[in-house]
Amino acid sequence: MAKETINVLEVVGTNDEGEEIIEQKTRSLKCSALLPRLYRFKFGRDMISDMLALDKAYRKAAKGVPEDATEDEIKAAQLSVLDLTIFENTAWLMMKHAGEDVGESPDEWLDKVCGLFTIYEVMPKVLAMWNASQVTTAKPAKK
C-alpha cells in the first residue's frame, strides 16, 4: 500500500462580503489492491487499462515537442480530454481512499479547486504510486 500527499488551493467558504476564502490544502493519496475495484464500481471502467494508457500518454507529453513540429505532432503529444478525465478520477479516488473529504464525485471536488493545479506536478506522483503498486513479489513457476 502506497501513500503520498499533494498540495492544492481549494475554496473553503465565503466571508461576510461573499468573497471566496481560499486555503492551501495538503491532501493524502492512497493506493492499494482495492483501488481498481473501487474504480470499476465508481466509473465502470478498467483501471489497469486506463492507467496504462495514461502512463503512455503522459510520457509522450512530458517529452515535449520540437519547435519545428507539425500540427499533428503537437496534437499527438498533448493529453486528451479522456487522459485528463482518467487522471482526475484516479487522483480523486486515491484521495477518497485515503479518507479525505473530497465530496462524492470528482466534479464536486474539482468545483472546490481554485484555478488549475499543476497536473505535471501531481500526475507523476499518481503514476508513481500506481506503478509501485503493480510490482509483484511472486516468482513465476517454471514449466
C-alpha atoms as a PDB file:
ATOM      1  CA  MET A   1       0.000   0.000   0.000  1.00  0.00           C
ATOM      2  CA  ALA A   2       1.455   3.340  -1.081  1.00  0.00           C
ATOM      3  CA  LYS A   3       0.727   6.788   0.378  1.00  0.00           C
ATOM      4  CA  GLU A   4       1.617  10.241  -0.927  1.00  0.00           C
ATOM      5  CA  THR A   5       0.472  13.848  -0.457  1.00  0.00           C
ATOM      6  CA  ILE A   6      -0.308  16.705  -2.847  1.00  0.00           C
ATOM      7  CA  ASN A   7      -0.974  20.407  -2.270  1.00  0.00           C
ATOM      8  CA  VAL A   8      -3.939  22.162  -3.893  1.00  0.00           C
ATOM      9  CA  LEU A   9      -5.687  25.505  -3.437  1.00  0.00           C
ATOM     10  CA  GLU A  10      -9.333  24.959  -2.517  1.00  0.00           C
ATOM     11  CA  VAL A  11     -12.304  27.207  -1.815  1.00  0.00           C
ATOM     12  CA  VAL A  12     -13.253  26.522   1.813  1.00  0.00           C
ATOM     13  CA  GLY A  13     -16.103  29.012   2.212  1.00  0.00           C
ATOM     14  CA  THR A  14     -17.036  32.671   1.843  1.00  0.00           C
ATOM     15  CA  ASN A  15     -16.513  35.697   4.049  1.00  0.00           C
ATOM     16  CA  ASP A  16     -19.169  38.238   5.103  1.00  0.00           C
ATOM     17  CA  GLU A  17     -18.744  40.130   1.821  1.00  0.00           C
ATOM     18  CA  GLY A  18     -19.433  36.975  -0.204  1.00  0.00           C
ATOM     19  CA  GLU A  19     -15.829  36.581  -1.344  1.00  0.00           C
ATOM     20  CA  GLU A  20     -14.412  33.081  -1.557  1.00  0.00           C
ATOM     21  CA  ILE A  21     -11.961  32.010   1.135  1.00  0.00           C
ATOM     22  CA  ILE A  22      -9.111  30.038  -0.403  1.00  0.00           C
ATOM     23  CA  GLU A  23      -6.685  27.847   1.512  1.00  0.00           C
ATOM     24  CA  GLN A  24      -3.839  25.584   0.500  1.00  0.00           C
ATOM     25  CA  LYS A  25      -4.800  22.040   1.425  1.00  0.00           C
ATOM     26  CA  THR A  26      -2.488  19.084   1.733  1.00  0.00           C
ATOM     27  CA  ARG A  27      -4.370  16.045   0.500  1.00  0.00           C
ATOM     28  CA  SER A  28      -3.359  12.441   1.111  1.00  0.00           C
ATOM     29  CA  LEU A  29      -3.437   9.847  -1.661  1.00  0.00           C
ATOM     30  CA  LYS A  30      -3.626   6.106  -1.051  1.00  0.00           C
ATOM     31  CA  CYS A  31      -3.146   3.244  -3.467  1.00  0.00           C
ATOM     32  CA  SER A  32      -3.923  -0.365  -2.555  1.00  0.00           C
ATOM     33  CA  ALA A  33      -5.161  -3.542  -4.203  1.00  0.00           C
ATOM     34  CA  LEU A  34      -8.721  -2.337  -3.572  1.00  0.00           C
ATOM     35  CA  LEU A  35      -8.348   0.707  -5.847  1.00  0.00           C
ATOM     36  CA  PRO A  36      -9.080  -0.995  -9.221  1.00  0.00           C
ATOM     37  CA  ARG A  37     -12.258  -2.494  -7.773  1.00  0.00           C
ATOM     38  CA  LEU A  38     -13.406   0.873  -6.401  1.00  0.00           C
ATOM     39  CA  TYR A  39     -12.586   2.473  -9.773  1.00  0.00           C
ATOM     40  CA  ARG A  40     -14.599  -0.147 -11.672  1.00  0.00           C
ATOM     41  CA  PHE A  41     -17.611   0.277  -9.362  1.00  0.00           C
ATOM     42  CA  LYS A  42     -17.486   4.089  -9.400  1.00  0.00           C
ATOM     43  CA  PHE A  43     -16.597   4.736 -13.059  1.00  0.00           C
ATOM     44  CA  GLY A  44     -17.481   1.478 -14.848  1.00  0.00           C
ATOM     45  CA  ARG A  45     -14.040   1.268 -16.454  1.00  0.00           C
ATOM     46  CA  ASP A  46     -10.960  -0.932 -16.184  1.00  0.00           C
ATOM     47  CA  MET A  47      -8.400   0.986 -14.149  1.00  0.00           C
ATOM     48  CA  ILE A  48      -5.455  -1.131 -15.279  1.00  0.00           C
ATOM     49  CA  SER A  49      -6.132  -0.381 -18.962  1.00  0.00           C
ATOM     50  CA  ASP A  50      -6.845   3.280 -18.230  1.00  0.00           C
ATOM     51  CA  MET A  51      -3.652   3.728 -16.209  1.00  0.00           C
ATOM     52  CA  LEU A  52      -1.517   2.022 -18.858  1.00  0.00           C
ATOM     53  CA  ALA A  53      -2.927   4.403 -21.483  1.00  0.00           C
ATOM     54  CA  LEU A  54      -2.492   7.411 -19.182  1.00  0.00           C
ATOM     55  CA  ASP A  55       1.117   6.498 -18.382  1.00  0.00           C
ATOM     56  CA  LYS A  56       1.910   6.173 -22.091  1.00  0.00           C
ATOM     57  CA  ALA A  57       0.224   9.499 -22.931  1.00  0.00           C
ATOM     58  CA  TYR A  58       1.953  11.274 -20.038  1.00  0.00           C
ATOM     59  CA  ARG A  59       5.406  10.020 -21.050  1.00  0.00           C
ATOM     60  CA  LYS A  60       4.795  11.227 -24.592  1.00  0.00           C
ATOM     61  CA  ALA A  61       3.531  14.634 -23.415  1.00  0.00           C
ATOM     62  CA  ALA A  62       6.346  15.067 -20.891  1.00  0.00           C
ATOM     63  CA  LYS A  63       8.939  14.727 -23.660  1.00  0.00           C
ATOM     64  CA  GLY A  64       7.533  17.831 -25.288  1.00  0.00           C
ATOM     65  CA  VAL A  65       7.640  18.629 -28.973  1.00  0.00           C
ATOM     66  CA  PRO A  66      10.390  20.145 -31.090  1.00  0.00           C
ATOM     67  CA  GLU A  67       9.939  23.735 -32.237  1.00  0.00           C
ATOM     68  CA  ASP A  68       9.530  22.615 -35.856  1.00  0.00           C
ATOM     69  CA  ALA A  69       6.792  20.077 -35.016  1.00  0.00           C
ATOM     70  CA  THR A  70       3.786  19.831 -37.278  1.00  0.00           C
ATOM     71  CA  GLU A  71       0.283  20.488 -36.001  1.00  0.00           C
ATOM     72  CA  ASP A  72      -0.404  16.733 -35.958  1.00  0.00           C
ATOM     73  CA  GLU A  73       2.771  16.080 -33.917  1.00  0.00           C
ATOM     74  CA  ILE A  74       1.811  18.789 -31.421  1.00  0.00           C
ATOM     75  CA  LYS A  75      -1.718  17.360 -31.072  1.00  0.00           C
ATOM     76  CA  ALA A  76      -0.369  13.810 -30.634  1.00  0.00           C
ATOM     77  CA  ALA A  77       1.931  14.970 -27.806  1.00  0.00           C
ATOM     78  CA  GLN A  78      -0.887  16.564 -25.793  1.00  0.00           C
ATOM     79  CA  LEU A  79      -3.009  14.843 -23.194  1.00  0.00           C
ATOM     80  CA  SER A  80      -6.530  14.181 -24.453  1.00  0.00           C
ATOM     81  CA  VAL A  81      -9.734  15.018 -22.606  1.00  0.00           C
ATOM     82  CA  LEU A  82     -10.059  11.303 -21.800  1.00  0.00           C
ATOM     83  CA  ASP A  83      -6.496  11.257 -20.376  1.00  0.00           C
ATOM     84  CA  LEU A  84      -7.300  14.237 -18.146  1.00  0.00           C
ATOM     85  CA  THR A  85     -10.577  12.659 -17.017  1.00  0.00           C
ATOM     86  CA  ILE A  86      -8.796   9.416 -16.114  1.00  0.00           C
ATOM     87  CA  PHE A  87      -6.211  11.426 -14.162  1.00  0.00           C
ATOM     88  CA  GLU A  88      -8.840  13.490 -12.318  1.00  0.00           C
ATOM     89  CA  ASN A  89     -10.912  10.407 -11.490  1.00  0.00           C
ATOM     90  CA  THR A  90      -7.860   8.496 -10.268  1.00  0.00           C
ATOM     91  CA  ALA A  91      -6.498  11.371  -8.159  1.00  0.00           C
ATOM     92  CA  TRP A  92      -9.945  11.912  -6.601  1.00  0.00           C
ATOM     93  CA  LEU A  93     -10.402   8.194  -5.892  1.00  0.00           C
ATOM     94  CA  MET A  94      -6.918   7.957  -4.317  1.00  0.00           C
ATOM     95  CA  MET A  95      -7.789  10.885  -2.028  1.00  0.00           C
ATOM     96  CA  LYS A  96     -11.186   9.387  -1.176  1.00  0.00           C
ATOM     97  CA  HIS A  97      -9.485   6.024  -0.486  1.00  0.00           C
ATOM     98  CA  ALA A  98      -7.105   7.835   1.898  1.00  0.00           C
ATOM     99  CA  GLY A  99     -10.101   9.158   3.870  1.00  0.00           C
ATOM    100  CA  GLU A 100     -10.022  12.733   2.557  1.00  0.00           C
ATOM    101  CA  ASP A 101     -13.233  14.798   2.479  1.00  0.00           C
ATOM    102  CA  VAL A 102     -13.334  15.451  -1.264  1.00  0.00           C
ATOM    103  CA  GLY A 103     -17.045  15.133  -1.919  1.00  0.00           C
ATOM    104  CA  GLU A 104     -18.979  12.345  -3.547  1.00  0.00           C
ATOM    105  CA  SER A 105     -17.591  12.798  -7.074  1.00  0.00           C
ATOM    106  CA  PRO A 106     -14.538  14.184  -8.869  1.00  0.00           C
ATOM    107  CA  ASP A 107     -16.738  17.025 -10.164  1.00  0.00           C
ATOM    108  CA  GLU A 108     -17.715  18.018  -6.630  1.00  0.00           C
ATOM    109  CA  TRP A 109     -14.050  18.124  -5.577  1.00  0.00           C
ATOM    110  CA  LEU A 110     -12.838  19.908  -8.741  1.00  0.00           C
ATOM    111  CA  ASP A 111     -15.515  22.562  -8.199  1.00  0.00           C
ATOM    112  CA  LYS A 112     -13.713  23.480  -4.943  1.00  0.00           C
ATOM    113  CA  VAL A 113     -10.247  23.616  -6.516  1.00  0.00           C
ATOM    114  CA  CYS A 114      -9.150  27.197  -7.035  1.00  0.00           C
ATOM    115  CA  GLY A 115      -7.796  27.603 -10.532  1.00  0.00           C
ATOM    116  CA  LEU A 116      -5.824  24.789 -12.028  1.00  0.00           C
ATOM    117  CA  PHE A 117      -3.464  22.652 -10.048  1.00  0.00           C
ATOM    118  CA  THR A 118      -0.375  21.656 -11.958  1.00  0.00           C
ATOM    119  CA  ILE A 119      -1.054  18.218 -13.351  1.00  0.00           C
ATOM    120  CA  TYR A 120       2.618  17.929 -14.262  1.00  0.00           C
ATOM    121  CA  GLU A 121       3.421  18.043 -10.535  1.00  0.00           C
ATOM    122  CA  VAL A 122       0.578  15.794  -9.362  1.00  0.00           C
ATOM    123  CA  MET A 123       0.390  13.281 -12.208  1.00  0.00           C
ATOM    124  CA  PRO A 124       3.928  11.909 -11.681  1.00  0.00           C
ATOM    125  CA  LYS A 125       3.023  11.168  -8.047  1.00  0.00           C
ATOM    126  CA  VAL A 126      -0.208   9.432  -9.030  1.00  0.00           C
ATOM    127  CA  LEU A 127       1.523   7.389 -11.743  1.00  0.00           C
ATOM    128  CA  ALA A 128       4.460   6.506  -9.475  1.00  0.00           C
ATOM    129  CA  MET A 129       2.094   5.260  -6.781  1.00  0.00           C
ATOM    130  CA  TRP A 130       0.144   3.237  -9.324  1.00  0.00           C
ATOM    131  CA  ASN A 131       3.273   1.737 -10.892  1.00  0.00           C
ATOM    132  CA  ALA A 132       4.719   0.882  -7.472  1.00  0.00           C
ATOM    133  CA  SER A 133       1.503  -0.914  -6.556  1.00  0.00           C
ATOM    134  CA  GLN A 134       1.779  -3.090  -9.666  1.00  0.00           C
ATOM    135  CA  VAL A 135       5.066  -4.660  -8.581  1.00  0.00           C
ATOM    136  CA  THR A 136       4.748  -8.266  -7.506  1.00  0.00           C
ATOM    137  CA  THR A 137       6.931 -10.352  -5.242  1.00  0.00           C
ATOM    138  CA  ALA A 138       5.675 -13.606  -6.729  1.00  0.00           C
ATOM    139  CA  LYS A 139       8.133 -15.612  -8.777  1.00  0.00           C
ATOM    140  CA  PRO A 140       6.870 -17.286 -11.926  1.00  0.00           C
ATOM    141  CA  ALA A 141       6.717 -21.060 -11.732  1.00  0.00           C
ATOM    142  CA  LYS A 142       8.984 -22.947 -14.102  1.00  0.00           C
ATOM    143  CA  LYS A 143       7.260 -25.180 -16.579  1.00  0.00           C
END
